[in-house]
Protein backbone atom coordinates (compact mmCIF):
# COMPACT_ATOMS: atom_id res chain seq x y z
CA UNK A 1 14.93 -2.91 13.42
CA UNK A 2 17.58 -1.18 15.52
CA UNK A 3 17.17 2.20 13.83
CA UNK A 4 13.47 2.27 14.64
CA UNK A 5 14.12 1.28 18.25
CA UNK A 6 16.67 4.07 18.68
CA UNK A 7 14.36 6.63 17.07
CA UNK A 8 11.56 5.52 19.39
CA UNK A 9 13.81 6.24 22.37
CA UNK A 10 14.60 9.76 21.24
CA UNK A 11 11.14 10.49 19.77
CA UNK A 12 8.38 8.28 21.25
CA UNK A 13 5.83 9.63 18.73
CA UNK A 14 8.01 8.58 15.79
CA UNK A 15 6.31 8.63 12.37
CA UNK A 16 8.25 5.50 11.34
CA UNK A 17 5.39 3.03 10.98
CA UNK A 18 6.45 1.16 7.84
CA UNK A 19 9.60 0.56 5.85
CA UNK A 20 12.45 3.04 6.10
CA UNK A 21 12.55 5.24 3.03
CA UNK A 22 15.44 7.22 1.57
CA UNK A 23 13.97 10.47 2.88
CA UNK A 24 13.70 9.18 6.44
CA UNK A 25 17.26 7.85 6.37
CA UNK A 26 18.63 11.12 5.00
CA UNK A 27 16.85 13.08 7.72
CA UNK A 28 17.92 10.73 10.52
CA UNK A 29 21.55 10.77 9.41
CA UNK A 30 21.68 14.56 9.90
CA UNK A 31 18.88 15.56 12.27
CA UNK A 32 18.00 12.67 14.59
CA UNK A 33 18.26 14.97 17.62
CA UNK A 34 14.74 16.45 18.06
CA UNK A 35 16.22 19.76 19.23
CA UNK A 36 18.30 20.03 16.05
CA UNK A 37 15.26 19.01 14.04
CA UNK A 38 13.17 21.85 15.47
CA UNK A 39 16.01 24.29 14.97
CA UNK A 40 16.33 23.31 11.29
CA UNK A 41 12.73 24.29 10.67
CA UNK A 42 10.11 23.29 8.16
CA UNK A 43 11.74 24.78 5.05
CA UNK A 44 15.12 23.07 5.47
CA UNK A 45 13.63 19.74 6.49
CA UNK A 46 11.24 19.80 3.54
CA UNK A 47 14.14 20.45 1.18
CA UNK A 48 16.08 17.46 2.58
CA UNK A 49 13.07 15.16 2.26
CA UNK A 50 12.16 16.34 -1.26
CA UNK A 51 15.70 15.80 -2.53
CA UNK A 52 16.17 12.37 -0.89
CA UNK A 53 12.78 11.06 -2.02
CA UNK A 54 12.98 12.44 -5.58
CA UNK A 55 9.88 14.57 -4.98
CA UNK A 56 7.80 11.64 -3.73
CA UNK A 57 7.52 13.20 -0.27
CA UNK A 58 7.65 16.76 0.94
CA UNK A 59 6.14 19.15 3.45
CA UNK A 60 3.60 16.68 4.86
CA UNK A 61 6.35 14.27 5.89
CA UNK A 62 8.43 17.12 7.29
CA UNK A 63 5.50 18.23 9.44
CA UNK A 64 5.14 14.69 10.82
CA UNK A 65 8.78 14.69 11.91
CA UNK A 66 8.53 18.17 13.43
CA UNK A 67 5.44 17.14 15.38
CA UNK A 68 7.28 14.10 16.75
CA UNK A 69 10.31 16.23 17.64
CA UNK A 70 8.18 18.81 19.47
CA UNK A 71 6.40 16.07 21.42
CA UNK A 72 9.77 14.61 22.48
CA UNK A 73 11.07 17.98 23.69
CA UNK A 74 7.81 18.65 25.55
CA UNK A 75 7.99 15.22 27.19
CA UNK A 76 11.65 15.03 28.15
CA UNK A 77 12.64 18.68 28.38
CA UNK A 78 16.20 18.90 29.67
CA UNK A 79 16.05 15.72 31.73
CA UNK A 80 19.54 14.13 31.81
CA UNK A 81 18.12 10.60 31.50
CA UNK A 82 17.60 11.13 27.76
CA UNK A 83 20.91 11.69 25.96
CA UNK A 84 19.65 13.31 22.78
CA UNK A 85 23.13 13.94 21.38
CA UNK A 86 24.43 10.42 22.01
CA UNK A 87 21.31 8.74 20.65
CA UNK A 88 21.37 10.93 17.54
CA UNK A 89 25.01 10.00 16.92
CA UNK A 90 24.19 6.30 17.29
CA UNK A 91 21.27 6.62 14.88
CA UNK A 92 23.53 8.31 12.32
CA UNK A 93 26.04 5.46 12.67
CA UNK A 94 23.32 2.86 12.12
CA UNK A 95 22.13 4.68 9.00
CA UNK A 96 25.66 4.70 7.56
CA UNK A 97 26.04 0.99 8.33
CA UNK A 98 22.75 0.28 6.57
CA UNK A 99 23.95 2.15 3.50
CA UNK A 100 27.22 0.19 3.50
CA UNK A 101 25.32 -3.10 3.68
CA UNK A 102 23.15 -1.97 0.78
CA UNK A 103 26.23 -1.37 -1.38
CA UNK A 104 27.57 -4.85 -0.58
CA UNK A 105 24.21 -6.50 -1.29
CA UNK A 106 23.96 -4.73 -4.64
CA UNK A 107 27.27 -6.25 -5.73
CA UNK A 108 26.13 -9.73 -4.67
CA UNK A 109 22.79 -9.24 -6.42
CA UNK A 110 24.52 -8.40 -9.70
CA UNK A 111 26.68 -11.53 -9.53
CA UNK A 112 23.69 -13.68 -8.56
CA UNK A 113 21.69 -12.34 -11.50
CA UNK A 114 24.53 -13.09 -13.93
CA UNK A 115 24.81 -16.70 -12.75
CA UNK A 116 21.04 -17.15 -12.80
CA UNK A 117 20.72 -15.93 -16.40
CA UNK A 118 23.26 -18.56 -17.47
CA UNK A 119 21.50 -21.43 -15.68
CA UNK A 120 17.89 -20.43 -16.36
CA UNK A 121 17.82 -18.19 -19.47
CA UNK A 122 14.02 -18.30 -19.69
CA UNK A 123 13.73 -17.48 -15.94
CA UNK A 124 11.19 -20.27 -15.49
CA UNK A 125 11.89 -20.60 -11.77
CA UNK A 126 10.66 -17.07 -11.18
CA UNK A 127 7.29 -17.94 -12.69
CA UNK A 128 6.56 -20.36 -9.83
CA UNK A 129 4.13 -19.12 -7.15
CA UNK A 130 5.90 -17.52 -4.21
CA UNK A 131 9.25 -17.13 -5.98
CA UNK A 132 10.63 -13.88 -7.33
CA UNK A 133 13.87 -11.94 -7.59
CA UNK A 134 15.86 -13.89 -4.97
CA UNK A 135 13.77 -17.05 -4.64
CA UNK A 136 14.12 -18.02 -8.30
CA UNK A 137 17.95 -18.18 -8.30
CA UNK A 138 17.98 -19.88 -4.88
CA UNK A 139 15.67 -22.68 -5.96
CA UNK A 140 17.56 -23.07 -9.25
CA UNK A 141 20.80 -23.53 -7.31
CA UNK A 142 19.18 -26.17 -5.09
CA UNK A 143 17.60 -28.13 -7.95
CA UNK A 144 20.53 -28.08 -10.38
CA UNK A 145 19.71 -29.61 -13.78
CA UNK A 146 15.93 -30.32 -13.82
CA UNK A 147 16.30 -33.04 -16.48
CA UNK A 148 17.98 -35.36 -13.98
CA UNK A 149 14.57 -36.00 -12.36
CA UNK A 150 12.69 -38.71 -14.34
CA UNK A 151 9.27 -37.69 -13.03
CA UNK A 152 7.59 -34.97 -10.98
CA UNK A 153 7.35 -37.44 -8.09
CA UNK A 154 11.15 -37.74 -7.99
CA UNK A 155 11.43 -33.95 -7.97
CA UNK A 156 8.99 -33.62 -5.06
CA UNK A 157 10.75 -36.36 -3.16
CA UNK A 158 14.12 -34.65 -3.59
CA UNK A 159 12.84 -31.39 -2.10
CA UNK A 160 10.84 -33.15 0.61
CA UNK A 161 7.55 -31.82 -0.70
CA UNK A 162 5.64 -35.11 -0.75
CA UNK A 163 2.40 -34.54 1.23
CA UNK A 164 1.22 -37.16 3.68
CA UNK A 165 -2.35 -35.92 4.12
CA UNK A 166 -5.52 -37.57 2.91
CA UNK A 167 -5.85 -35.38 -0.19
CA UNK A 168 -3.24 -37.52 -1.95
CA UNK A 169 -5.93 -40.15 -2.48
CA UNK A 170 -3.63 -42.95 -1.31
CA UNK A 171 -3.66 -42.36 2.43
CA UNK A 172 -6.00 -41.17 5.14
CA UNK A 173 -3.80 -39.44 7.70
CA UNK A 174 -5.61 -36.16 8.24
CA UNK A 175 -3.61 -33.54 10.10
CA UNK A 176 -0.15 -34.93 9.36
CA UNK A 177 2.52 -32.51 8.07
CA UNK A 178 4.46 -32.56 4.83
CA UNK A 179 7.17 -35.17 4.49
CA UNK A 180 10.57 -33.97 5.70
CA UNK A 181 12.48 -36.40 3.50
CA UNK A 182 14.65 -35.24 0.66
CA UNK A 183 17.45 -32.74 0.18
CA UNK A 184 18.29 -30.84 3.39
CA UNK A 185 18.95 -27.69 1.35
CA UNK A 186 15.48 -27.33 -0.15
CA UNK A 187 13.40 -27.18 3.05
CA UNK A 188 15.87 -24.72 4.60
CA UNK A 189 15.10 -22.17 1.88
CA UNK A 190 12.45 -19.89 3.48
CA UNK A 191 9.02 -19.97 1.90
CA UNK A 192 7.17 -16.60 1.75
CA UNK A 193 4.16 -18.06 3.57
CA UNK A 194 5.61 -20.89 5.66
CA UNK A 195 8.77 -19.10 6.80
CA UNK A 196 12.13 -20.84 7.27
CA UNK A 197 12.38 -24.62 7.35
CA UNK A 198 13.07 -26.77 10.40
CA UNK A 199 16.23 -25.98 12.31
CA UNK A 200 18.79 -28.61 13.23
CA UNK A 201 18.73 -29.40 16.94
CA UNK A 202 21.93 -29.87 18.95
CA UNK A 203 22.58 -33.44 20.15
CA UNK A 204 21.04 -34.31 23.51
CA UNK A 205 22.65 -36.31 26.26
CA UNK A 206 20.39 -39.23 25.37
CA UNK A 207 22.09 -39.57 21.99
CA UNK A 208 25.65 -39.47 23.36
CA UNK A 209 27.70 -42.58 24.26
CA UNK A 210 28.41 -43.28 27.96
CA UNK A 211 31.44 -41.50 29.41
CA UNK A 212 33.19 -44.83 30.25
CA UNK A 213 32.80 -46.08 26.65
CA UNK A 214 30.79 -49.18 27.65
CA UNK A 215 27.56 -50.07 25.90
CA UNK A 216 24.38 -49.72 27.96
CA UNK A 217 21.32 -51.87 27.30
């Protein structure tokens, strides 16, 4: 993530090891410069973190940030190669952009939820393994009306989920992957364990017709 990379430049001993929380974002938006962070002091920084995290974090997190800021100042000093002010301003911009994206995503999420409740009132898609808040509506949109599939085999074939390995009982092709037949939309939906589906490759010169238009054999 770009915010983490920028923070690592200005504070190599950054305490950002996991997801960015509200408290970290609030602090970085105002005090990403380690010199300003040290000047603010423990009391002010703790107050910012407590308020932004709704009392979930406090002095311990503030001490981690102050330790990282002190290490950065000790390491870089006043060396002109590290532009503390410019990097802090860029970090603040990235935080504001992240907040703006969050507002936009919230609006889309509300509309998605409304449409999903109309198409799947019982929320059955979300009960499937690996699907949840976003995956359920996405799969519902891909499948459409489930009743149009006469059997489970037709459903699997549509999504390209027909296995070709020996455990089917009908074949003995150990090591072969899942079938890629079926709807191109289904496999492109990322699976939480498999990751995104196969990407479409650009056409190669082998598949293009000759420049003079004549057929080659």
